[in-house]
C-alpha atoms as a PDB file:
ATOM      1  CA  MET A   1      58.333 217.033 205.542  1.00  0.00           C
ATOM      2  CA  ASN A   2      57.221 217.712 202.424  1.00  0.00           C
ATOM      3  CA  LEU A   3      57.461 222.028 202.013  1.00  0.00           C
ATOM      4  CA  HIS A   4      55.944 221.624 198.156  1.00  0.00           C
ATOM      5  CA  ASN A   5      52.790 220.381 199.245  1.00  0.00           C
ATOM      6  CA  THR A   6      52.330 223.437 201.999  1.00  0.00           C
ATOM      7  CA  SER A   7      50.666 226.090 199.923  1.00  0.00           C
ATOM      8  CA  SER A   8      47.485 225.152 200.529  1.00  0.00           C
ATOM      9  CA  PRO A   9      46.273 227.983 204.004  1.00  0.00           C
ATOM     10  CA  ALA A  10      43.824 224.842 205.093  1.00  0.00           C
ATOM     11  CA  THR A  11      45.083 224.750 208.385  1.00  0.00           C
ATOM     12  CA  SER A  12      45.892 228.786 209.240  1.00  0.00           C
ATOM     13  CA  LYS A  13      43.772 230.249 211.639  1.00  0.00           C
ATOM     14  CA  PRO A  14      40.486 231.975 210.400  1.00  0.00           C
ATOM     15  CA  GLU A  15      41.774 235.669 210.982  1.00  0.00           C
ATOM     16  CA  GLU A  16      44.689 234.645 207.854  1.00  0.00           C
ATOM     17  CA  LEU A  17      42.372 235.732 204.917  1.00  0.00           C
ATOM     18  CA  VAL A  18      45.255 235.590 202.544  1.00  0.00           C
ATOM     19  CA  PRO A  19      47.910 233.099 201.794  1.00  0.00           C
ATOM     20  CA  SER A  20      50.713 233.296 204.190  1.00  0.00           C
ATOM     21  CA  ARG A  21      53.317 230.884 202.625  1.00  0.00           C
ATOM     22  CA  TYR A  22      54.333 229.751 198.718  1.00  0.00           C
ATOM     23  CA  ALA A  23      56.060 226.279 197.757  1.00  0.00           C
ATOM     24  CA  VAL A  24      58.465 226.050 195.049  1.00  0.00           C
ATOM     25  CA  ARG A  25      60.483 223.031 193.978  1.00  0.00           C
ATOM     26  CA  ILE A  26      64.155 223.644 193.094  1.00  0.00           C
ATOM     27  CA  GLY A  27      65.353 220.248 191.527  1.00  0.00           C
ATOM     28  CA  GLU A  28      65.307 217.929 194.604  1.00  0.00           C
ATOM     29  CA  ILE A  29      65.280 220.817 196.720  1.00  0.00           C
ATOM     30  CA  ASP A  30      61.898 221.971 198.677  1.00  0.00           C
ATOM     31  CA  VAL A  31      61.743 225.721 199.280  1.00  0.00           C
ATOM     32  CA  LEU A  32      58.930 227.761 201.124  1.00  0.00           C
ATOM     33  CA  VAL A  33      58.225 231.305 201.243  1.00  0.00           C
ATOM     34  CA  VAL A  34      56.499 232.350 204.415  1.00  0.00           C
ATOM     35  CA  SER A  35      55.226 235.833 204.829  1.00  0.00           C
ATOM     36  CA  ASP A  36      56.370 237.389 208.341  1.00  0.00           C
ATOM     37  CA  GLY A  37      54.026 239.885 207.765  1.00  0.00           C
ATOM     38  CA  VAL A  38      53.920 243.719 206.585  1.00  0.00           C
ATOM     39  CA  LEU A  39      56.104 246.849 207.530  1.00  0.00           C
ATOM     40  CA  PRO A  40      54.572 250.339 207.373  1.00  0.00           C
ATOM     41  CA  LEU A  41      57.512 252.513 206.327  1.00  0.00           C
ATOM     42  CA  PRO A  42      57.658 256.034 204.866  1.00  0.00           C
ATOM     43  CA  THR A  43      57.655 256.316 201.187  1.00  0.00           C
ATOM     44  CA  THR A  44      61.367 258.073 202.028  1.00  0.00           C
ATOM     45  CA  MET A  45      62.993 254.979 202.872  1.00  0.00           C
ATOM     46  CA  LEU A  46      62.758 253.960 199.319  1.00  0.00           C
ATOM     47  CA  ALA A  47      64.784 257.026 197.845  1.00  0.00           C
ATOM     48  CA  HIS A  48      66.485 259.549 199.952  1.00  0.00           C
ATOM     49  CA  ASN A  49      69.003 260.530 197.637  1.00  0.00           C
ATOM     50  CA  VAL A  50      66.821 261.835 194.542  1.00  0.00           C
ATOM     51  CA  ASP A  51      64.177 264.717 193.969  1.00  0.00           C
ATOM     52  CA  PRO A  52      60.887 263.857 196.084  1.00  0.00           C
ATOM     53  CA  ALA A  53      59.087 264.800 193.091  1.00  0.00           C
ATOM     54  CA  VAL A  54      61.124 262.263 191.173  1.00  0.00           C
ATOM     55  CA  ARG A  55      60.406 259.509 194.078  1.00  0.00           C
ATOM     56  CA  ALA A  56      56.599 261.023 193.826  1.00  0.00           C
ATOM     57  CA  ALA A  57      56.227 260.150 190.355  1.00  0.00           C
ATOM     58  CA  TRP A  58      57.908 256.717 190.704  1.00  0.00           C
ATOM     59  CA  LEU A  59      55.019 256.069 193.395  1.00  0.00           C
ATOM     60  CA  ASP A  60      52.307 257.525 191.502  1.00  0.00           C
ATOM     61  CA  GLY A  61      53.298 255.451 188.632  1.00  0.00           C
ATOM     62  CA  MET A  62      52.879 252.169 190.927  1.00  0.00           C
ATOM     63  CA  PHE A  63      50.167 253.241 192.301  1.00  0.00           C
ATOM     64  CA  LEU A  64      51.152 253.386 195.929  1.00  0.00           C
ATOM     65  CA  PRO A  65      50.721 256.173 198.772  1.00  0.00           C
ATOM     66  CA  PRO A  66      52.846 258.792 198.680  1.00  0.00           C
ATOM     67  CA  ASP A  67      53.727 258.668 202.261  1.00  0.00           C
ATOM     68  CA  ALA A  68      53.911 255.476 203.434  1.00  0.00           C
ATOM     69  CA  PHE A  69      53.171 251.863 202.374  1.00  0.00           C
ATOM     70  CA  ASP A  70      53.157 248.189 203.477  1.00  0.00           C
ATOM     71  CA  TRP A  71      56.518 246.358 202.796  1.00  0.00           C
ATOM     72  CA  ALA A  72      56.292 242.908 202.575  1.00  0.00           C
ATOM     73  CA  LEU A  73      58.548 240.946 205.051  1.00  0.00           C
ATOM     74  CA  ASN A  74      59.350 237.697 203.817  1.00  0.00           C
ATOM     75  CA  ALA A  75      61.408 234.359 205.452  1.00  0.00           C
ATOM     76  CA  VAL A  76      62.372 231.163 203.477  1.00  0.00           C
ATOM     77  CA  MET A  77      62.477 227.349 204.784  1.00  0.00           C
ATOM     78  CA  VAL A  78      64.646 225.114 202.636  1.00  0.00           C
ATOM     79  CA  ARG A  79      64.856 221.257 202.591  1.00  0.00           C
ATOM     80  CA  SER A  80      67.921 219.840 201.134  1.00  0.00           C
ATOM     81  CA  GLY A  81      68.436 216.312 201.959  1.00  0.00           C
ATOM     82  CA  ASP A  82      68.341 215.783 205.914  1.00  0.00           C
ATOM     83  CA  LYS A  83      68.738 219.494 206.380  1.00  0.00           C
ATOM     84  CA  THR A  84      65.944 222.057 207.277  1.00  0.00           C
ATOM     85  CA  ILE A  85      66.950 225.410 206.703  1.00  0.00           C
ATOM     86  CA  LEU A  86      65.181 228.599 208.131  1.00  0.00           C
ATOM     87  CA  ILE A  87      66.718 231.675 205.874  1.00  0.00           C
ATOM     88  CA  ASP A  88      66.291 234.741 208.469  1.00  0.00           C
ATOM     89  CA  ALA A  89      64.029 234.519 211.066  1.00  0.00           C
ATOM     90  CA  GLY A  90      61.782 237.485 211.028  1.00  0.00           C
ATOM     91  CA  LEU A  91      60.849 240.525 213.176  1.00  0.00           C
ATOM     92  CA  GLY A  92      59.303 239.087 216.219  1.00  0.00           C
ATOM     93  CA  SER A  93      57.917 240.930 218.851  1.00  0.00           C
ATOM     94  CA  ASP A  94      57.356 244.568 218.222  1.00  0.00           C
ATOM     95  CA  PRO A  95      60.245 246.304 219.595  1.00  0.00           C
ATOM     96  CA  ASP A  96      58.089 249.605 220.419  1.00  0.00           C
ATOM     97  CA  LEU A  97      58.124 250.681 216.745  1.00  0.00           C
ATOM     98  CA  HIS A  98      54.593 250.456 216.169  1.00  0.00           C
ATOM     99  CA  LEU A  99      54.800 247.655 213.691  1.00  0.00           C
ATOM    100  CA  PRO A 100      52.026 245.299 214.850  1.00  0.00           C
ATOM    101  CA  ARG A 101      51.232 243.675 211.895  1.00  0.00           C
ATOM    102  CA  ALA A 102      54.694 241.694 211.241  1.00  0.00           C
ATOM    103  CA  GLY A 103      56.406 239.235 213.932  1.00  0.00           C
ATOM    104  CA  GLN A 104      54.204 236.188 212.036  1.00  0.00           C
ATOM    105  CA  LEU A 105      56.669 234.199 210.928  1.00  0.00           C
ATOM    106  CA  ILE A 106      56.195 231.501 214.064  1.00  0.00           C
ATOM    107  CA  LYS A 107      52.723 231.094 214.155  1.00  0.00           C
ATOM    108  CA  ARG A 108      52.899 230.802 210.411  1.00  0.00           C
ATOM    109  CA  LEU A 109      55.663 227.974 210.608  1.00  0.00           C
ATOM    110  CA  GLU A 110      53.115 226.408 212.677  1.00  0.00           C
ATOM    111  CA  ALA A 111      50.224 226.693 211.013  1.00  0.00           C
ATOM    112  CA  ALA A 112      52.111 225.001 207.797  1.00  0.00           C
ATOM    113  CA  GLY A 113      53.072 222.069 209.942  1.00  0.00           C
ATOM    114  CA  ILE A 114      56.473 222.804 210.742  1.00  0.00           C
ATOM    115  CA  ASP A 115      57.966 222.199 213.930  1.00  0.00           C
ATOM    116  CA  LEU A 116      60.837 224.377 214.982  1.00  0.00           C
ATOM    117  CA  ALA A 117      62.883 221.455 216.400  1.00  0.00           C
ATOM    118  CA  SER A 118      63.185 220.442 212.815  1.00  0.00           C
ATOM    119  CA  VAL A 119      65.297 223.102 211.852  1.00  0.00           C
ATOM    120  CA  THR A 120      68.853 222.110 211.755  1.00  0.00           C
ATOM    121  CA  ASP A 121      70.330 225.167 210.311  1.00  0.00           C
ATOM    122  CA  LEU A 122      69.716 228.903 210.366  1.00  0.00           C
ATOM    123  CA  VAL A 123      71.049 231.154 207.506  1.00  0.00           C
ATOM    124  CA  LEU A 124      71.295 235.196 208.237  1.00  0.00           C
ATOM    125  CA  THR A 125      71.049 237.284 205.384  1.00  0.00           C
ATOM    126  CA  HIS A 126      72.112 240.246 207.834  1.00  0.00           C
ATOM    127  CA  MET A 127      71.467 241.251 211.597  1.00  0.00           C
ATOM    128  CA  HIS A 128      68.810 243.617 211.073  1.00  0.00           C
ATOM    129  CA  MET A 129      66.174 243.255 213.749  1.00  0.00           C
ATOM    130  CA  ASP A 130      63.346 242.170 211.301  1.00  0.00           C
ATOM    131  CA  HIS A 131      65.576 239.254 210.328  1.00  0.00           C
ATOM    132  CA  VAL A 132      66.832 237.981 213.744  1.00  0.00           C
ATOM    133  CA  GLY A 133      64.149 239.066 215.912  1.00  0.00           C
ATOM    134  CA  GLY A 134      61.866 236.217 215.643  1.00  0.00           C
ATOM    135  CA  LEU A 135      64.502 233.931 217.355  1.00  0.00           C
ATOM    136  CA  LEU A 136      64.528 236.368 220.305  1.00  0.00           C
ATOM    137  CA  VAL A 137      60.624 236.093 221.063  1.00  0.00           C
ATOM    138  CA  ASP A 138      59.861 234.547 224.450  1.00  0.00           C
ATOM    139  CA  GLY A 139      59.706 230.562 224.548  1.00  0.00           C
ATOM    140  CA  VAL A 140      61.444 230.047 221.289  1.00  0.00           C
ATOM    141  CA  LYS A 141      64.801 229.412 221.967  1.00  0.00           C
ATOM    142  CA  GLN A 142      63.649 226.537 224.139  1.00  0.00           C
ATOM    143  CA  ARG A 143      62.115 225.212 221.056  1.00  0.00           C
ATOM    144  CA  LEU A 144      64.923 224.958 218.916  1.00  0.00           C
ATOM    145  CA  ARG A 145      67.580 222.156 218.579  1.00  0.00           C
ATOM    146  CA  LYS A 146      70.471 222.514 221.124  1.00  0.00           C
ATOM    147  CA  ASP A 147      72.604 221.809 218.250  1.00  0.00           C
ATOM    148  CA  LEU A 148      70.714 224.131 215.582  1.00  0.00           C
ATOM    149  CA  ARG A 149      73.734 225.861 213.373  1.00  0.00           C
ATOM    150  CA  ILE A 150      73.849 229.587 213.006  1.00  0.00           C
ATOM    151  CA  HIS A 151      75.349 230.722 209.529  1.00  0.00           C
ATOM    152  CA  VAL A 152      76.304 234.333 209.461  1.00  0.00           C
ATOM    153  CA  ALA A 153      79.315 236.354 207.761  1.00  0.00           C
ATOM    154  CA  ALA A 154      82.076 237.088 210.244  1.00  0.00           C
ATOM    155  CA  ALA A 155      82.239 240.400 208.546  1.00  0.00           C
ATOM    156  CA  GLU A 156      78.510 241.128 209.968  1.00  0.00           C
ATOM    157  CA  LEU A 157      78.963 239.991 213.662  1.00  0.00           C
ATOM    158  CA  LYS A 158      82.183 242.231 213.632  1.00  0.00           C
ATOM    159  CA  PHE A 159      79.749 245.365 212.211  1.00  0.00           C
ATOM    160  CA  TRP A 160      77.601 244.771 215.096  1.00  0.00           C
ATOM    161  CA  GLU A 161      80.367 245.584 217.895  1.00  0.00           C
ATOM    162  CA  ALA A 162      80.280 248.974 216.671  1.00  0.00           C
ATOM    163  CA  PRO A 163      77.714 249.223 213.701  1.00  0.00           C
ATOM    164  CA  ASP A 164      77.594 253.097 211.774  1.00  0.00           C
ATOM    165  CA  PHE A 165      74.305 254.523 211.033  1.00  0.00           C
ATOM    166  CA  THR A 166      75.874 257.735 209.196  1.00  0.00           C
ATOM    167  CA  HIS A 167      74.762 256.824 206.067  1.00  0.00           C
ATOM    168  CA  THR A 168      71.359 255.625 206.817  1.00  0.00           C
ATOM    169  CA  ASN A 169      68.330 257.212 206.945  1.00  0.00           C
ATOM    170  CA  MET A 170      65.802 255.668 209.414  1.00  0.00           C
ATOM    171  CA  PRO A 171      62.928 256.684 211.221  1.00  0.00           C
ATOM    172  CA  GLN A 172      63.348 257.991 214.762  1.00  0.00           C
ATOM    173  CA  GLY A 173      63.990 254.800 217.010  1.00  0.00           C
ATOM    174  CA  PHE A 174      65.207 252.458 214.519  1.00  0.00           C
ATOM    175  CA  PRO A 175      68.598 252.586 214.692  1.00  0.00           C
ATOM    176  CA  ASP A 176      68.430 251.734 219.043  1.00  0.00           C
ATOM    177  CA  ALA A 177      66.223 248.916 217.899  1.00  0.00           C
ATOM    178  CA  LEU A 178      68.321 247.836 215.710  1.00  0.00           C
ATOM    179  CA  ARG A 179      71.275 247.692 217.669  1.00  0.00           C
ATOM    180  CA  ALA A 180      69.499 246.176 220.747  1.00  0.00           C
ATOM    181  CA  ALA A 181      68.436 243.738 218.724  1.00  0.00           C
ATOM    182  CA  ALA A 182      72.024 242.632 217.260  1.00  0.00           C
ATOM    183  CA  LYS A 183      73.491 242.675 220.426  1.00  0.00           C
ATOM    184  CA  ARG A 184      70.809 240.736 222.634  1.00  0.00           C
ATOM    185  CA  PHE A 185      71.032 238.031 219.228  1.00  0.00           C
ATOM    186  CA  ALA A 186      74.540 238.036 219.363  1.00  0.00           C
ATOM    187  CA  LYS A 187      74.457 237.147 223.174  1.00  0.00           C
ATOM    188  CA  GLU A 188      71.915 234.718 223.182  1.00  0.00           C
ATOM    189  CA  TYR A 189      72.720 232.424 220.290  1.00  0.00           C
ATOM    190  CA  GLY A 190      76.815 233.087 220.561  1.00  0.00           C
ATOM    191  CA  SER A 191      77.643 229.909 221.088  1.00  0.00           C
ATOM    192  CA  GLN A 192      75.809 228.450 217.941  1.00  0.00           C
ATOM    193  CA  ILE A 193      77.161 230.895 215.422  1.00  0.00           C
ATOM    194  CA  ARG A 194      79.061 229.287 212.580  1.00  0.00           C
ATOM    195  CA  PRO A 195      80.848 232.368 210.703  1.00  0.00           C
ATOM    196  CA  PHE A 196      81.591 232.321 207.411  1.00  0.00           C
ATOM    197  CA  VAL A 197      84.104 234.650 205.578  1.00  0.00           C
ATOM    198  CA  ASP A 198      82.866 234.524 201.879  1.00  0.00           C
ATOM    199  CA  GLU A 199      81.135 231.534 200.905  1.00  0.00           C
ATOM    200  CA  HIS A 200      79.572 228.586 202.688  1.00  0.00           C
ATOM    201  CA  GLU A 201      77.632 225.682 202.045  1.00  0.00           C
ATOM    202  CA  VAL A 202      75.107 224.958 204.210  1.00  0.00           C
ATOM    203  CA  ALA A 203      73.762 222.004 202.444  1.00  0.00           C
ATOM    204  CA  PRO A 204      73.806 219.914 199.472  1.00  0.00           C
ATOM    205  CA  GLY A 205      73.024 222.739 196.808  1.00  0.00           C
ATOM    206  CA  VAL A 206      72.192 225.247 199.382  1.00  0.00           C
ATOM    207  CA  VAL A 207      75.376 227.959 199.428  1.00  0.00           C
ATOM    208  CA  VAL A 208      75.517 231.452 201.633  1.00  0.00           C
ATOM    209  CA  ARG A 209      77.956 233.973 199.810  1.00  0.00           C
ATOM    210  CA  ARG A 210      78.818 237.606 200.953  1.00  0.00           C
ATOM    211  CA  THR A 211      77.670 240.295 198.922  1.00  0.00           C
ATOM    212  CA  GLY A 212      77.998 243.373 201.564  1.00  0.00           C
ATOM    213  CA  GLY A 213      76.288 246.836 200.494  1.00  0.00           C
ATOM    214  CA  HIS A 214      73.464 246.663 202.522  1.00  0.00           C
ATOM    215  CA  THR A 215      75.288 245.987 205.485  1.00  0.00           C
ATOM    216  CA  PRO A 216      78.981 244.550 205.390  1.00  0.00           C
ATOM    217  CA  GLY A 217      78.168 241.544 206.327  1.00  0.00           C
ATOM    218  CA  HIS A 218      74.711 241.095 203.991  1.00  0.00           C
ATOM    219  CA  SER A 219      74.643 237.939 202.164  1.00  0.00           C
ATOM    220  CA  VAL A 220      72.528 235.873 199.585  1.00  0.00           C
ATOM    221  CA  VAL A 221      71.303 232.410 199.417  1.00  0.00           C
ATOM    222  CA  ARG A 222      71.317 230.418 196.416  1.00  0.00           C
ATOM    223  CA  VAL A 223      69.627 227.516 195.905  1.00  0.00           C
ATOM    224  CA  ALA A 224      70.547 225.118 192.943  1.00  0.00           C
ATOM    225  CA  SER A 225      69.271 221.549 192.001  1.00  0.00           C
ATOM    226  CA  GLY A 226      68.440 219.377 188.648  1.00  0.00           C
ATOM    227  CA  GLY A 227      69.207 222.595 186.387  1.00  0.00           C
ATOM    228  CA  ASP A 228      67.142 224.669 188.511  1.00  0.00           C
ATOM    229  CA  ALA A 229      67.943 227.441 190.775  1.00  0.00           C
ATOM    230  CA  LEU A 230      66.945 230.110 192.835  1.00  0.00           C
ATOM    231  CA  THR A 231      68.508 233.146 194.886  1.00  0.00           C
ATOM    232  CA  PHE A 232      67.275 234.729 197.992  1.00  0.00           C
ATOM    233  CA  ALA A 233      68.491 238.081 197.994  1.00  0.00           C
ATOM    234  CA  GLY A 234      67.684 239.237 201.316  1.00  0.00           C
ATOM    235  CA  ASP A 235      68.053 243.168 201.374  1.00  0.00           C
ATOM    236  CA  ALA A 236      70.333 243.393 198.571  1.00  0.00           C
ATOM    237  CA  VAL A 237      66.850 244.305 196.161  1.00  0.00           C
ATOM    238  CA  PHE A 238      63.768 246.194 196.911  1.00  0.00           C
ATOM    239  CA  ALA A 239      60.497 247.074 194.770  1.00  0.00           C
ATOM    240  CA  VAL A 240      62.227 250.125 193.487  1.00  0.00           C
ATOM    241  CA  GLY A 241      65.869 248.796 192.494  1.00  0.00           C
ATOM    242  CA  PHE A 242      64.742 247.539 189.557  1.00  0.00           C
ATOM    243  CA  GLU A 243      63.654 250.537 187.662  1.00  0.00           C
ATOM    244  CA  GLN A 244      66.124 252.614 189.676  1.00  0.00           C
ATOM    245  CA  PRO A 245      68.649 250.328 191.195  1.00  0.00           C
ATOM    246  CA  GLU A 246      70.903 253.248 191.887  1.00  0.00           C
ATOM    247  CA  TRP A 247      68.519 254.382 194.420  1.00  0.00           C
ATOM    248  CA  HIS A 248      69.590 254.395 198.201  1.00  0.00           C
ATOM    249  CA  ASN A 249      67.252 252.602 200.594  1.00  0.00           C
ATOM    250  CA  GLY A 250      67.188 254.210 204.407  1.00  0.00           C
ATOM    251  CA  PHE A 251      68.408 251.290 205.871  1.00  0.00           C
ATOM    252  CA  GLU A 252      71.603 251.023 203.830  1.00  0.00           C
ATOM    253  CA  HIS A 253      74.277 251.165 205.851  1.00  0.00           C
ATOM    254  CA  ASP A 254      77.130 251.746 202.805  1.00  0.00           C
ATOM    255  CA  PRO A 255      74.440 253.091 199.845  1.00  0.00           C
ATOM    256  CA  GLU A 256      76.388 253.632 197.177  1.00  0.00           C
ATOM    257  CA  GLU A 257      78.322 250.113 197.879  1.00  0.00           C
ATOM    258  CA  ALA A 258      74.843 248.877 198.062  1.00  0.00           C
ATOM    259  CA  ALA A 259      73.665 249.827 194.698  1.00  0.00           C
ATOM    260  CA  ARG A 260      76.653 248.600 193.171  1.00  0.00           C
ATOM    261  CA  VAL A 261      76.124 244.962 194.819  1.00  0.00           C
ATOM    262  CA  ARG A 262      71.933 245.314 193.439  1.00  0.00           C
ATOM    263  CA  ILE A 263      73.407 246.136 190.056  1.00  0.00           C
ATOM    264  CA  ARG A 264      75.522 243.174 189.979  1.00  0.00           C
ATOM    265  CA  LEU A 265      73.403 240.929 191.528  1.00  0.00           C
ATOM    266  CA  LEU A 266      70.266 241.680 188.988  1.00  0.00           C
ATOM    267  CA  ARG A 267      72.586 241.277 185.889  1.00  0.00           C
ATOM    268  CA  GLU A 268      73.611 237.804 187.310  1.00  0.00           C
ATOM    269  CA  ILE A 269      70.628 236.616 188.031  1.00  0.00           C
ATOM    270  CA  ALA A 270      69.049 238.392 184.508  1.00  0.00           C
ATOM    271  CA  LYS A 271      71.887 235.968 182.644  1.00  0.00           C
ATOM    272  CA  THR A 272      71.008 232.972 184.692  1.00  0.00           C
ATOM    273  CA  GLY A 273      67.305 233.142 184.330  1.00  0.00           C
ATOM    274  CA  GLU A 274      66.858 231.619 187.627  1.00  0.00           C
ATOM    275  CA  LEU A 275      64.299 232.195 190.186  1.00  0.00           C
ATOM    276  CA  LEU A 276      64.535 235.594 192.467  1.00  0.00           C
ATOM    277  CA  VAL A 277      63.101 236.017 196.108  1.00  0.00           C
ATOM    278  CA  ALA A 278      63.843 238.935 198.225  1.00  0.00           C
ATOM    279  CA  THR A 279      62.693 239.737 201.940  1.00  0.00           C
ATOM    280  CA  HIS A 280      60.966 243.015 200.837  1.00  0.00           C
ATOM    281  CA  MET A 281      59.455 242.057 197.678  1.00  0.00           C
ATOM    282  CA  PRO A 282      55.641 241.939 197.764  1.00  0.00           C
ATOM    283  CA  PHE A 283      54.679 238.222 198.853  1.00  0.00           C
ATOM    284  CA  PRO A 284      55.286 235.728 197.560  1.00  0.00           C
ATOM    285  CA  SER A 285      58.083 237.437 195.888  1.00  0.00           C
ATOM    286  CA  VAL A 286      58.771 234.808 193.382  1.00  0.00           C
ATOM    287  CA  GLY A 287      59.679 235.820 189.875  1.00  0.00           C
ATOM    288  CA  HIS A 288      62.499 236.377 187.479  1.00  0.00           C
ATOM    289  CA  VAL A 289      64.727 239.562 186.308  1.00  0.00           C
ATOM    290  CA  ALA A 290      64.707 240.727 182.737  1.00  0.00           C
ATOM    291  CA  VAL A 291      67.141 243.476 181.405  1.00  0.00           C
ATOM    292  CA  ALA A 292      65.253 246.465 180.284  1.00  0.00           C
ATOM    293  CA  GLY A 293      67.802 249.207 178.924  1.00  0.00           C
ATOM    294  CA  ASP A 294      70.332 250.489 181.500  1.00  0.00           C
ATOM    295  CA  ALA A 295      67.700 249.149 184.129  1.00  0.00           C
ATOM    296  CA  PHE A 296      65.997 246.064 184.765  1.00  0.00           C
ATOM    297  CA  ARG A 297      62.000 244.528 185.055  1.00  0.00           C
ATOM    298  CA  TRP A 298      60.490 242.555 187.410  1.00  0.00           C
ATOM    299  CA  VAL A 299      58.514 239.699 185.922  1.00  0.00           C
ATOM    300  CA  PRO A 300      56.499 237.575 189.116  1.00  0.00           C
ATOM    301  CA  VAL A 301      55.701 234.206 188.340  1.00  0.00           C
ATOM    302  CA  PHE A 302      52.244 232.962 187.461  1.00  0.00           C
ATOM    303  CA  TRP A 303      51.128 231.300 190.907  1.00  0.00           C
ATOM    304  CA  ASP A 304      51.048 227.321 190.930  1.00  0.00           C
ATOM    305  CA  TYR A 305      48.359 226.383 192.383  1.00  0.00           C
END
């Protein structure tokens, strides 16, 4: 399977009116960004620690609606040597939260010609339901390899044994749904989970590293080969986080630490000049980070056709 040649939506179903996958080559490693759809969420989730008028002004300047808008939801497939690695698994079935336009990952992998049985490793940036839910859809587990290795930070597994939501600011119903999804995932896939402490090389050039912040075990994945590099930042970075990296996102379990992690990560990526992809950046979410005074600037790549 050559992921580099799967940008074309030729095999997508007719109702797919926009591209849902985008291929990037990092040295000798193939990377495919796949859209799991979008999550319509309140704009208060972008910054619950700032004056509403300030938040409204930022949204207006970005030509975004004031009350709610669609957050992108991206996952990544990586091919390095004989390893095929899925990074995060999307939302899966709608957990009664009225999110009908998410949960598209499995069918979009199929449209790209990717057999679930070819996946050797799954890396979870963290265990929120929009990152694990795709593997909880009926019939999916039976299509996966019996020897599938699931890599997740030990601190993340520990956290979900008794999760703390006191510093989050989520819509009603989300905490219960997040608890249920994490608990079910740990139960169904526990024997295949390979926890790591701080850092683990999943395949040549593919390293997962715990950052904490968003959740205690939140991790990022760096892909590096032949002088090229790309970091998948999971939920460490959101669209507002470049200009306003200290604004707190409603899903962050430790908002202050999440801000520190975000600033540190963006500085690293700006310094190296490598590519950045993140879960909730607009698809295909491939770009660079530039320093802009005390903040940062997102520089999306020009699409490679």
